[in-house]
C-alpha atoms as a PDB file:
ATOM      1  CA  UNK A   1       0.048  -0.013   0.051  1.00  0.00           C
ATOM      2  CA  UNK A   2       1.265   3.521  -0.799  1.00  0.00           C
ATOM      3  CA  UNK A   3       1.687   6.423   1.426  1.00  0.00           C
ATOM      4  CA  UNK A   4      -1.328   8.026  -0.298  1.00  0.00           C
ATOM      5  CA  UNK A   5      -3.615   5.004   0.276  1.00  0.00           C
ATOM      6  CA  UNK A   6      -2.585   4.898   3.988  1.00  0.00           C
ATOM      7  CA  UNK A   7      -3.327   8.578   4.339  1.00  0.00           C
ATOM      8  CA  UNK A   8      -6.743   8.348   2.813  1.00  0.00           C
ATOM      9  CA  UNK A   9      -7.506   5.232   4.923  1.00  0.00           C
ATOM     10  CA  UNK A  10      -6.432   6.888   8.122  1.00  0.00           C
ATOM     11  CA  UNK A  11      -8.405  10.140   7.289  1.00  0.00           C
ATOM     12  CA  UNK A  12     -11.427   8.263   6.657  1.00  0.00           C
ATOM     13  CA  UNK A  13     -11.086   6.100   9.820  1.00  0.00           C
ATOM     14  CA  UNK A  14     -10.453   9.290  11.882  1.00  0.00           C
ATOM     15  CA  UNK A  15     -14.147  10.269  12.353  1.00  0.00           C
ATOM     16  CA  UNK A  16     -14.503  10.580   8.404  1.00  0.00           C
ATOM     17  CA  UNK A  17     -12.201  13.657   8.399  1.00  0.00           C
ATOM     18  CA  UNK A  18     -12.439  15.491   5.272  1.00  0.00           C
ATOM     19  CA  UNK A  19      -9.372  16.584   3.260  1.00  0.00           C
ATOM     20  CA  UNK A  20     -10.330  20.203   4.131  1.00  0.00           C
ATOM     21  CA  UNK A  21     -10.283  19.464   7.879  1.00  0.00           C
ATOM     22  CA  UNK A  22      -6.915  17.654   7.656  1.00  0.00           C
ATOM     23  CA  UNK A  23      -5.494  20.470   5.405  1.00  0.00           C
ATOM     24  CA  UNK A  24      -6.549  23.091   8.002  1.00  0.00           C
ATOM     25  CA  UNK A  25      -4.858  21.190  10.931  1.00  0.00           C
ATOM     26  CA  UNK A  26      -1.574  21.058   8.862  1.00  0.00           C
ATOM     27  CA  UNK A  27      -1.767  24.517   7.494  1.00  0.00           C
ATOM     28  CA  UNK A  28      -1.769  23.443   3.848  1.00  0.00           C
ATOM     29  CA  UNK A  29      -4.417  23.494   0.950  1.00  0.00           C
ATOM     30  CA  UNK A  30      -6.910  20.721   0.338  1.00  0.00           C
ATOM     31  CA  UNK A  31      -5.318  20.299  -3.021  1.00  0.00           C
ATOM     32  CA  UNK A  32      -2.031  19.409  -1.211  1.00  0.00           C
ATOM     33  CA  UNK A  33      -3.796  16.823   0.842  1.00  0.00           C
ATOM     34  CA  UNK A  34      -5.418  15.421  -2.410  1.00  0.00           C
ATOM     35  CA  UNK A  35      -1.955  15.312  -4.104  1.00  0.00           C
ATOM     36  CA  UNK A  36      -0.595  13.317  -1.256  1.00  0.00           C
ATOM     37  CA  UNK A  37      -3.529  10.826  -1.401  1.00  0.00           C
ATOM     38  CA  UNK A  38      -3.113  10.337  -5.070  1.00  0.00           C
ATOM     39  CA  UNK A  39       0.680   9.693  -4.534  1.00  0.00           C
ATOM     40  CA  UNK A  40       1.361  12.845  -6.668  1.00  0.00           C
ATOM     41  CA  UNK A  41       3.669  14.347  -4.025  1.00  0.00           C
ATOM     42  CA  UNK A  42       4.853  13.571  -0.670  1.00  0.00           C
ATOM     43  CA  UNK A  43       4.803  15.870   2.389  1.00  0.00           C
ATOM     44  CA  UNK A  44       7.727  17.695   3.932  1.00  0.00           C
ATOM     45  CA  UNK A  45       9.224  15.961   6.888  1.00  0.00           C
ATOM     46  CA  UNK A  46       7.543  18.378   9.437  1.00  0.00           C
ATOM     47  CA  UNK A  47       4.142  17.704   7.753  1.00  0.00           C
ATOM     48  CA  UNK A  48       4.798  13.828   7.760  1.00  0.00           C
ATOM     49  CA  UNK A  49       5.596  14.088  11.575  1.00  0.00           C
ATOM     50  CA  UNK A  50       2.502  16.120  12.131  1.00  0.00           C
ATOM     51  CA  UNK A  51       0.430  13.514  10.181  1.00  0.00           C
ATOM     52  CA  UNK A  52       1.812  10.701  12.362  1.00  0.00           C
ATOM     53  CA  UNK A  53       0.870  12.588  15.437  1.00  0.00           C
ATOM     54  CA  UNK A  54      -2.749  13.335  14.224  1.00  0.00           C
ATOM     55  CA  UNK A  55      -3.277   9.555  13.360  1.00  0.00           C
ATOM     56  CA  UNK A  56      -1.233   8.266  16.341  1.00  0.00           C
ATOM     57  CA  UNK A  57       0.933   5.998  14.074  1.00  0.00           C
ATOM     58  CA  UNK A  58       4.701   5.929  13.399  1.00  0.00           C
ATOM     59  CA  UNK A  59       6.306   7.372  10.348  1.00  0.00           C
ATOM     60  CA  UNK A  60       7.248   3.909   9.275  1.00  0.00           C
ATOM     61  CA  UNK A  61       3.618   2.699   9.527  1.00  0.00           C
ATOM     62  CA  UNK A  62       2.380   5.737   7.672  1.00  0.00           C
ATOM     63  CA  UNK A  63       4.905   5.607   4.905  1.00  0.00           C
ATOM     64  CA  UNK A  64       5.726   2.010   4.379  1.00  0.00           C
ATOM     65  CA  UNK A  65       3.100  -0.456   5.755  1.00  0.00           C
ATOM     66  CA  UNK A  66      -0.274  -1.549   4.497  1.00  0.00           C
ATOM     67  CA  UNK A  67      -2.590  -0.121   7.043  1.00  0.00           C
ATOM     68  CA  UNK A  68      -5.754  -1.178   5.339  1.00  0.00           C
ATOM     69  CA  UNK A  69      -4.708  -4.955   5.117  1.00  0.00           C
ATOM     70  CA  UNK A  70      -7.864  -6.403   6.902  1.00  0.00           C
ATOM     71  CA  UNK A  71     -10.487  -4.242   5.183  1.00  0.00           C
ATOM     72  CA  UNK A  72     -11.694  -6.979   2.757  1.00  0.00           C
ATOM     73  CA  UNK A  73     -13.111  -8.946   5.721  1.00  0.00           C
ATOM     74  CA  UNK A  74     -16.102  -6.493   5.932  1.00  0.00           C
ATOM     75  CA  UNK A  75     -16.977  -6.189   2.365  1.00  0.00           C
ATOM     76  CA  UNK A  76     -18.856  -9.285   1.487  1.00  0.00           C
ATOM     77  CA  UNK A  77     -21.654  -9.611   4.068  1.00  0.00           C
ATOM     78  CA  UNK A  78     -25.459 -10.207   4.082  1.00  0.00           C
ATOM     79  CA  UNK A  79     -27.909  -9.028   6.691  1.00  0.00           C
ATOM     80  CA  UNK A  80     -30.491 -11.319   8.261  1.00  0.00           C
ATOM     81  CA  UNK A  81     -33.205 -10.833  10.915  1.00  0.00           C
ATOM     82  CA  UNK A  82     -33.144 -13.447  13.599  1.00  0.00           C
ATOM     83  CA  UNK A  83     -35.517 -14.082  16.372  1.00  0.00           C
ATOM     84  CA  UNK A  84     -34.695 -12.182  19.628  1.00  0.00           C
ATOM     85  CA  UNK A  85     -32.572 -13.923  22.108  1.00  0.00           C
ATOM     86  CA  UNK A  86     -30.786 -13.652  25.482  1.00  0.00           C
ATOM     87  CA  UNK A  87     -27.213 -13.709  25.734  1.00  0.00           C
ATOM     88  CA  UNK A  88     -24.232 -12.949  28.223  1.00  0.00           C
ATOM     89  CA  UNK A  89     -21.350 -10.756  26.761  1.00  0.00           C
ATOM     90  CA  UNK A  90     -17.787 -10.192  27.447  1.00  0.00           C
ATOM     91  CA  UNK A  91     -15.691  -7.486  25.885  1.00  0.00           C
ATOM     92  CA  UNK A  92     -11.832  -7.226  26.062  1.00  0.00           C
ATOM     93  CA  UNK A  93      -9.239  -5.064  24.672  1.00  0.00           C
ATOM     94  CA  UNK A  94      -5.861  -6.880  24.163  1.00  0.00           C
ATOM     95  CA  UNK A  95      -3.175  -8.065  21.809  1.00  0.00           C
ATOM     96  CA  UNK A  96      -5.243 -11.213  20.943  1.00  0.00           C
ATOM     97  CA  UNK A  97      -8.801 -10.080  21.944  1.00  0.00           C
ATOM     98  CA  UNK A  98     -10.687 -12.662  19.730  1.00  0.00           C
ATOM     99  CA  UNK A  99      -8.878 -15.573  21.464  1.00  0.00           C
ATOM    100  CA  UNK A 100      -9.189 -13.977  24.869  1.00  0.00           C
ATOM    101  CA  UNK A 101     -12.885 -13.257  24.662  1.00  0.00           C
ATOM    102  CA  UNK A 102     -13.844 -16.532  23.089  1.00  0.00           C
ATOM    103  CA  UNK A 103     -11.959 -18.527  25.722  1.00  0.00           C
ATOM    104  CA  UNK A 104     -13.345 -16.512  28.505  1.00  0.00           C
ATOM    105  CA  UNK A 105     -17.020 -16.845  27.340  1.00  0.00           C
ATOM    106  CA  UNK A 106     -16.710 -20.610  26.653  1.00  0.00           C
ATOM    107  CA  UNK A 107     -15.186 -20.996  30.136  1.00  0.00           C
ATOM    108  CA  UNK A 108     -18.056 -18.981  31.586  1.00  0.00           C
ATOM    109  CA  UNK A 109     -20.601 -21.188  29.680  1.00  0.00           C
ATOM    110  CA  UNK A 110     -18.988 -24.425  31.112  1.00  0.00           C
ATOM    111  CA  UNK A 111     -19.180 -22.960  34.586  1.00  0.00           C
ATOM    112  CA  UNK A 112     -22.737 -22.135  34.003  1.00  0.00           C
ATOM    113  CA  UNK A 113     -23.530 -25.609  33.095  1.00  0.00           C
ATOM    114  CA  UNK A 114     -24.246 -24.889  29.319  1.00  0.00           C
ATOM    115  CA  UNK A 115     -23.482 -28.222  27.527  1.00  0.00           C
ATOM    116  CA  UNK A 116     -22.947 -27.006  23.913  1.00  0.00           C
ATOM    117  CA  UNK A 117     -22.789 -23.299  24.022  1.00  0.00           C
ATOM    118  CA  UNK A 118     -23.695 -21.201  21.006  1.00  0.00           C
ATOM    119  CA  UNK A 119     -21.002 -18.540  20.920  1.00  0.00           C
ATOM    120  CA  UNK A 120     -21.038 -15.399  18.765  1.00  0.00           C
ATOM    121  CA  UNK A 121     -18.401 -12.580  18.494  1.00  0.00           C
ATOM    122  CA  UNK A 122     -17.841  -9.274  16.868  1.00  0.00           C
ATOM    123  CA  UNK A 123     -15.277  -6.517  16.857  1.00  0.00           C
ATOM    124  CA  UNK A 124     -15.384  -4.141  19.725  1.00  0.00           C
ATOM    125  CA  UNK A 125     -15.467  -0.593  18.242  1.00  0.00           C
ATOM    126  CA  UNK A 126     -14.515   1.504  21.301  1.00  0.00           C
ATOM    127  CA  UNK A 127     -10.747   1.335  20.831  1.00  0.00           C
ATOM    128  CA  UNK A 128      -8.586   4.526  20.345  1.00  0.00           C
ATOM    129  CA  UNK A 129      -6.180   5.023  17.535  1.00  0.00           C
ATOM    130  CA  UNK A 130      -3.486   5.167  20.148  1.00  0.00           C
ATOM    131  CA  UNK A 131      -4.358   1.654  21.500  1.00  0.00           C
ATOM    132  CA  UNK A 132      -4.349   0.227  18.011  1.00  0.00           C
ATOM    133  CA  UNK A 133      -1.179   2.066  16.540  1.00  0.00           C
ATOM    134  CA  UNK A 134       0.842   2.473  19.553  1.00  0.00           C
ATOM    135  CA  UNK A 135       0.021  -0.499  21.725  1.00  0.00           C
ATOM    136  CA  UNK A 136      -1.153  -2.836  18.871  1.00  0.00           C
ATOM    137  CA  UNK A 137      -4.245  -3.716  20.765  1.00  0.00           C
ATOM    138  CA  UNK A 138      -7.669  -4.311  19.301  1.00  0.00           C
ATOM    139  CA  UNK A 139     -11.113  -5.022  20.986  1.00  0.00           C
ATOM    140  CA  UNK A 140     -13.463  -7.951  20.603  1.00  0.00           C
ATOM    141  CA  UNK A 141     -16.841  -9.076  22.192  1.00  0.00           C
ATOM    142  CA  UNK A 142     -17.890 -12.573  22.589  1.00  0.00           C
ATOM    143  CA  UNK A 143     -21.336 -13.622  23.755  1.00  0.00           C
ATOM    144  CA  UNK A 144     -23.077 -16.841  24.693  1.00  0.00           C
ATOM    145  CA  UNK A 145     -26.552 -17.134  23.460  1.00  0.00           C
ATOM    146  CA  UNK A 146     -28.531 -18.534  26.477  1.00  0.00           C
ATOM    147  CA  UNK A 147     -30.664 -21.589  25.989  1.00  0.00           C
ATOM    148  CA  UNK A 148     -34.515 -21.283  26.018  1.00  0.00           C
ATOM    149  CA  UNK A 149     -34.751 -22.988  29.509  1.00  0.00           C
ATOM    150  CA  UNK A 150     -33.324 -20.711  32.173  1.00  0.00           C
ATOM    151  CA  UNK A 151     -29.753 -21.156  33.275  1.00  0.00           C
ATOM    152  CA  UNK A 152     -28.702 -19.950  36.762  1.00  0.00           C
ATOM    153  CA  UNK A 153     -26.356 -16.988  35.987  1.00  0.00           C
ATOM    154  CA  UNK A 154     -23.941 -15.518  38.342  1.00  0.00           C
ATOM    155  CA  UNK A 155     -22.058 -12.341  37.583  1.00  0.00           C
ATOM    156  CA  UNK A 156     -19.248 -13.314  40.043  1.00  0.00           C
ATOM    157  CA  UNK A 157     -17.856 -15.935  37.581  1.00  0.00           C
ATOM    158  CA  UNK A 158     -16.771 -13.303  35.359  1.00  0.00           C
ATOM    159  CA  UNK A 159     -14.487 -10.409  36.012  1.00  0.00           C
ATOM    160  CA  UNK A 160     -16.319  -8.602  38.777  1.00  0.00           C
ATOM    161  CA  UNK A 161     -17.928  -5.337  37.659  1.00  0.00           C
ATOM    162  CA  UNK A 162     -17.318  -5.992  33.894  1.00  0.00           C
ATOM    163  CA  UNK A 163     -20.342  -6.461  31.476  1.00  0.00           C
ATOM    164  CA  UNK A 164     -19.547 -10.368  31.454  1.00  0.00           C
ATOM    165  CA  UNK A 165     -22.209 -12.335  33.234  1.00  0.00           C
ATOM    166  CA  UNK A 166     -24.941  -9.847  32.676  1.00  0.00           C
ATOM    167  CA  UNK A 167     -27.880 -11.236  30.698  1.00  0.00           C
ATOM    168  CA  UNK A 168     -28.866  -9.097  27.684  1.00  0.00           C
ATOM    169  CA  UNK A 169     -32.161  -9.480  26.047  1.00  0.00           C
ATOM    170  CA  UNK A 170     -32.829  -8.377  22.566  1.00  0.00           C
ATOM    171  CA  UNK A 171     -36.486  -7.181  22.759  1.00  0.00           C
ATOM    172  CA  UNK A 172     -36.965  -7.206  18.957  1.00  0.00           C
ATOM    173  CA  UNK A 173     -35.491  -9.420  16.206  1.00  0.00           C
ATOM    174  CA  UNK A 174     -31.865  -8.771  15.929  1.00  0.00           C
ATOM    175  CA  UNK A 175     -30.179  -7.966  12.430  1.00  0.00           C
ATOM    176  CA  UNK A 176     -26.765  -9.552  12.113  1.00  0.00           C
ATOM    177  CA  UNK A 177     -24.023  -9.407   9.471  1.00  0.00           C
ATOM    178  CA  UNK A 178     -23.080 -12.738   8.222  1.00  0.00           C
ATOM    179  CA  UNK A 179     -20.818 -14.051   5.459  1.00  0.00           C
ATOM    180  CA  UNK A 180     -22.775 -14.574   2.322  1.00  0.00           C
ATOM    181  CA  UNK A 181     -24.225 -18.015   1.789  1.00  0.00           C
ATOM    182  CA  UNK A 182     -22.350 -20.395  -0.328  1.00  0.00           C
ATOM    183  CA  UNK A 183     -24.062 -21.884  -3.484  1.00  0.00           C
ATOM    184  CA  UNK A 184     -24.533 -25.278  -1.788  1.00  0.00           C
ATOM    185  CA  UNK A 185     -26.106 -23.903   1.445  1.00  0.00           C
END
């Protein structure tokens, strides 16, 4: 990925910042930002440093790495409406959040006596650019869909005070993003 593509990706990820807003912060014209994004020009060193500070990333990441590498994972989804359900959720921000959250929720389900837990997960969006770019951390939520028959639930089995262990009920049908169905499904 080029510097221009990285800049455009970071700008859009940063609260959908416009070229004008970025240009104003840097003291340059919108056309200058556009040239950078089109790889028609590169910023002066002081502007590149300012960009890395605005987006909380290193110069190496900004200039050399593919910062948009995982974006394709969200492009090919279908949306379905499913019946309402109750669940217990656990959210974590760490270096390996998906593994941490899934392991924790499966352990919780085993302690709660759920024999074959139905576990779902999704990215946790409340992670700062600093947590992502500086500390290389990400967020993930895992949830155990509760069976129809009541299961005794204790909040004390999860980390005390966290959202883990709290029963959530979707009052209306829930819309979920799922991978597209294959031709043989």
